[in-house]
């Protein structure tokens, strides 16, 4: 089992920035690929970004490429999502996710956090 806990959400003005954190515990952190997803009101959950075990390989959805950056701190068992140039359409609950491979975390993660709300005011 892997436990994931997100933090860092809140209310931010359009054009602003926020950094989300996700702390992982349980099974060995380095054996999993990690990702960020989000779910806006009335919409399906959407993949945003993933990162590999060593942190050197990242991949982004087109909707956030160039604005969001995923990173990790292996010593802290933590991944981050730096979000810049925020828009009202970025308002959503943001979830941390974990899986055994790139494909899994991008399509059907095995583990999810409970999410953190980000609200962007225009």
C-alpha atoms as a PDB file:
ATOM      1  CA  UNK A   1       0.000   0.000   0.000  1.00  0.00           C
ATOM      2  CA  UNK A   2       0.995   3.573  -0.696  1.00  0.00           C
ATOM      3  CA  UNK A   3      -0.475   6.526   1.152  1.00  0.00           C
ATOM      4  CA  UNK A   4      -0.468   9.910  -0.563  1.00  0.00           C
ATOM      5  CA  UNK A   5      -1.277  13.231   1.111  1.00  0.00           C
ATOM      6  CA  UNK A   6      -1.559  16.459  -0.873  1.00  0.00           C
ATOM      7  CA  UNK A   7      -1.235  20.004   0.436  1.00  0.00           C
ATOM      8  CA  UNK A   8      -0.756  23.531  -0.816  1.00  0.00           C
ATOM      9  CA  UNK A   9      -4.079  24.301  -2.416  1.00  0.00           C
ATOM     10  CA  UNK A  10      -6.133  27.405  -1.813  1.00  0.00           C
ATOM     11  CA  UNK A  11      -7.444  30.555  -3.421  1.00  0.00           C
ATOM     12  CA  UNK A  12      -5.214  32.360  -5.908  1.00  0.00           C
ATOM     13  CA  UNK A  13      -5.778  35.202  -8.349  1.00  0.00           C
ATOM     14  CA  UNK A  14      -5.629  34.643 -12.080  1.00  0.00           C
ATOM     15  CA  UNK A  15      -2.045  34.981 -13.292  1.00  0.00           C
ATOM     16  CA  UNK A  16      -0.689  33.898  -9.953  1.00  0.00           C
ATOM     17  CA  UNK A  17       1.242  30.841  -8.866  1.00  0.00           C
ATOM     18  CA  UNK A  18       0.893  28.042  -6.359  1.00  0.00           C
ATOM     19  CA  UNK A  19       2.947  24.988  -5.460  1.00  0.00           C
ATOM     20  CA  UNK A  20       1.322  21.743  -4.461  1.00  0.00           C
ATOM     21  CA  UNK A  21       3.062  19.047  -2.456  1.00  0.00           C
ATOM     22  CA  UNK A  22       2.378  15.342  -2.100  1.00  0.00           C
ATOM     23  CA  UNK A  23       3.997  13.227   0.584  1.00  0.00           C
ATOM     24  CA  UNK A  24       4.136   9.496  -0.034  1.00  0.00           C
ATOM     25  CA  UNK A  25       4.445   6.822   2.617  1.00  0.00           C
ATOM     26  CA  UNK A  26       4.083   3.092   2.812  1.00  0.00           C
ATOM     27  CA  UNK A  27       5.843   1.008   0.202  1.00  0.00           C
ATOM     28  CA  UNK A  28       9.247   2.073  -1.069  1.00  0.00           C
ATOM     29  CA  UNK A  29       8.739   5.397  -2.767  1.00  0.00           C
ATOM     30  CA  UNK A  30      11.430   4.913  -5.330  1.00  0.00           C
ATOM     31  CA  UNK A  31       9.754   1.924  -6.881  1.00  0.00           C
ATOM     32  CA  UNK A  32       6.818   3.931  -8.183  1.00  0.00           C
ATOM     33  CA  UNK A  33       6.142   6.521 -10.855  1.00  0.00           C
ATOM     34  CA  UNK A  34       4.172   9.515  -9.618  1.00  0.00           C
ATOM     35  CA  UNK A  35       1.708  11.870 -11.262  1.00  0.00           C
ATOM     36  CA  UNK A  36      -0.629  14.798 -10.766  1.00  0.00           C
ATOM     37  CA  UNK A  37      -4.220  14.769 -11.956  1.00  0.00           C
ATOM     38  CA  UNK A  38      -7.111  17.185 -11.478  1.00  0.00           C
ATOM     39  CA  UNK A  39     -10.885  17.176 -11.599  1.00  0.00           C
ATOM     40  CA  UNK A  40     -12.874  20.312 -12.316  1.00  0.00           C
ATOM     41  CA  UNK A  41     -16.557  20.596 -11.394  1.00  0.00           C
ATOM     42  CA  UNK A  42     -18.706  18.603 -13.793  1.00  0.00           C
ATOM     43  CA  UNK A  43     -15.712  17.195 -15.661  1.00  0.00           C
ATOM     44  CA  UNK A  44     -13.796  13.931 -15.731  1.00  0.00           C
ATOM     45  CA  UNK A  45     -10.536  13.551 -13.897  1.00  0.00           C
ATOM     46  CA  UNK A  46      -7.662  14.725 -16.101  1.00  0.00           C
ATOM     47  CA  UNK A  47      -4.003  13.666 -16.214  1.00  0.00           C
ATOM     48  CA  UNK A  48      -1.563  16.585 -15.904  1.00  0.00           C
ATOM     49  CA  UNK A  49       2.017  15.435 -15.413  1.00  0.00           C
ATOM     50  CA  UNK A  50       4.136  12.468 -14.400  1.00  0.00           C
ATOM     51  CA  UNK A  51       7.653  11.927 -13.139  1.00  0.00           C
ATOM     52  CA  UNK A  52       9.823   8.827 -12.994  1.00  0.00           C
ATOM     53  CA  UNK A  53      11.601   7.274 -10.046  1.00  0.00           C
ATOM     54  CA  UNK A  54      14.824   9.194 -10.382  1.00  0.00           C
ATOM     55  CA  UNK A  55      13.099  12.452 -11.215  1.00  0.00           C
ATOM     56  CA  UNK A  56      14.891  12.890 -14.517  1.00  0.00           C
ATOM     57  CA  UNK A  57      12.047  12.013 -16.857  1.00  0.00           C
ATOM     58  CA  UNK A  58       8.898  14.101 -16.935  1.00  0.00           C
ATOM     59  CA  UNK A  59       5.878  14.274 -19.200  1.00  0.00           C
ATOM     60  CA  UNK A  60       3.061  16.815 -19.390  1.00  0.00           C
ATOM     61  CA  UNK A  61      -0.396  17.039 -20.826  1.00  0.00           C
ATOM     62  CA  UNK A  62      -0.663  19.674 -23.535  1.00  0.00           C
ATOM     63  CA  UNK A  63      -3.114  21.662 -21.418  1.00  0.00           C
ATOM     64  CA  UNK A  64      -0.441  22.509 -18.843  1.00  0.00           C
ATOM     65  CA  UNK A  65       2.829  22.230 -20.751  1.00  0.00           C
ATOM     66  CA  UNK A  66       4.946  25.318 -20.224  1.00  0.00           C
ATOM     67  CA  UNK A  67       2.942  26.508 -17.191  1.00  0.00           C
ATOM     68  CA  UNK A  68       3.195  23.598 -14.737  1.00  0.00           C
ATOM     69  CA  UNK A  69       6.343  21.831 -13.535  1.00  0.00           C
ATOM     70  CA  UNK A  70       6.479  18.501 -11.728  1.00  0.00           C
ATOM     71  CA  UNK A  71       9.451  17.662  -9.534  1.00  0.00           C
ATOM     72  CA  UNK A  72      10.372  15.384  -6.665  1.00  0.00           C
ATOM     73  CA  UNK A  73      12.529  15.222  -3.574  1.00  0.00           C
ATOM     74  CA  UNK A  74      13.406  11.598  -2.967  1.00  0.00           C
ATOM     75  CA  UNK A  75      14.862  12.283   0.461  1.00  0.00           C
ATOM     76  CA  UNK A  76      11.508  13.698   1.590  1.00  0.00           C
ATOM     77  CA  UNK A  77       9.336  11.198  -0.311  1.00  0.00           C
ATOM     78  CA  UNK A  78       7.623  14.211  -1.803  1.00  0.00           C
ATOM     79  CA  UNK A  79       6.593  15.360  -5.247  1.00  0.00           C
ATOM     80  CA  UNK A  80       5.602  18.883  -6.194  1.00  0.00           C
ATOM     81  CA  UNK A  81       3.550  20.652  -8.818  1.00  0.00           C
ATOM     82  CA  UNK A  82       4.555  24.234  -9.470  1.00  0.00           C
ATOM     83  CA  UNK A  83       1.697  25.988 -11.236  1.00  0.00           C
ATOM     84  CA  UNK A  84       2.272  29.363 -12.877  1.00  0.00           C
ATOM     85  CA  UNK A  85       0.146  31.742 -14.930  1.00  0.00           C
ATOM     86  CA  UNK A  86      -2.984  30.276 -13.436  1.00  0.00           C
ATOM     87  CA  UNK A  87      -6.312  30.687 -15.202  1.00  0.00           C
ATOM     88  CA  UNK A  88      -9.869  30.382 -13.972  1.00  0.00           C
ATOM     89  CA  UNK A  89     -10.160  27.096 -15.879  1.00  0.00           C
ATOM     90  CA  UNK A  90      -7.423  25.652 -13.664  1.00  0.00           C
ATOM     91  CA  UNK A  91      -9.897  25.640 -10.779  1.00  0.00           C
ATOM     92  CA  UNK A  92     -10.179  22.018  -9.699  1.00  0.00           C
ATOM     93  CA  UNK A  93      -9.361  19.457  -7.073  1.00  0.00           C
ATOM     94  CA  UNK A  94      -5.782  18.348  -7.633  1.00  0.00           C
ATOM     95  CA  UNK A  95      -4.802  14.758  -6.916  1.00  0.00           C
ATOM     96  CA  UNK A  96      -1.496  13.034  -6.436  1.00  0.00           C
ATOM     97  CA  UNK A  97      -1.303   9.533  -7.893  1.00  0.00           C
ATOM     98  CA  UNK A  98       1.069   6.613  -7.896  1.00  0.00           C
ATOM     99  CA  UNK A  99       1.603   3.557 -10.034  1.00  0.00           C
ATOM    100  CA  UNK A 100       4.051   0.888 -11.055  1.00  0.00           C
ATOM    101  CA  UNK A 101       4.803   2.326 -14.485  1.00  0.00           C
ATOM    102  CA  UNK A 102       4.483   5.378 -16.717  1.00  0.00           C
ATOM    103  CA  UNK A 103       1.456   3.883 -18.435  1.00  0.00           C
ATOM    104  CA  UNK A 104      -0.282   3.133 -15.158  1.00  0.00           C
ATOM    105  CA  UNK A 105       0.124   6.598 -13.626  1.00  0.00           C
ATOM    106  CA  UNK A 106      -0.956   8.232 -16.883  1.00  0.00           C
ATOM    107  CA  UNK A 107      -4.059   6.136 -17.459  1.00  0.00           C
ATOM    108  CA  UNK A 108      -5.211   4.285 -14.336  1.00  0.00           C
ATOM    109  CA  UNK A 109      -3.144   4.986 -11.225  1.00  0.00           C
ATOM    110  CA  UNK A 110      -3.118   2.390  -8.502  1.00  0.00           C
ATOM    111  CA  UNK A 111      -3.124   4.829  -5.593  1.00  0.00           C
ATOM    112  CA  UNK A 112      -4.681   8.245  -5.099  1.00  0.00           C
ATOM    113  CA  UNK A 113      -4.487  10.963  -2.520  1.00  0.00           C
ATOM    114  CA  UNK A 114      -7.640  12.677  -1.274  1.00  0.00           C
ATOM    115  CA  UNK A 115      -6.948  15.813  -3.247  1.00  0.00           C
ATOM    116  CA  UNK A 116      -6.452  19.509  -2.547  1.00  0.00           C
ATOM    117  CA  UNK A 117      -8.684  22.281  -3.861  1.00  0.00           C
ATOM    118  CA  UNK A 118      -7.228  25.045  -6.013  1.00  0.00           C
ATOM    119  CA  UNK A 119      -9.534  27.933  -6.838  1.00  0.00           C
ATOM    120  CA  UNK A 120      -8.422  30.595  -9.297  1.00  0.00           C
ATOM    121  CA  UNK A 121     -10.331  33.859  -9.114  1.00  0.00           C
ATOM    122  CA  UNK A 122     -10.641  36.024 -12.196  1.00  0.00           C
END
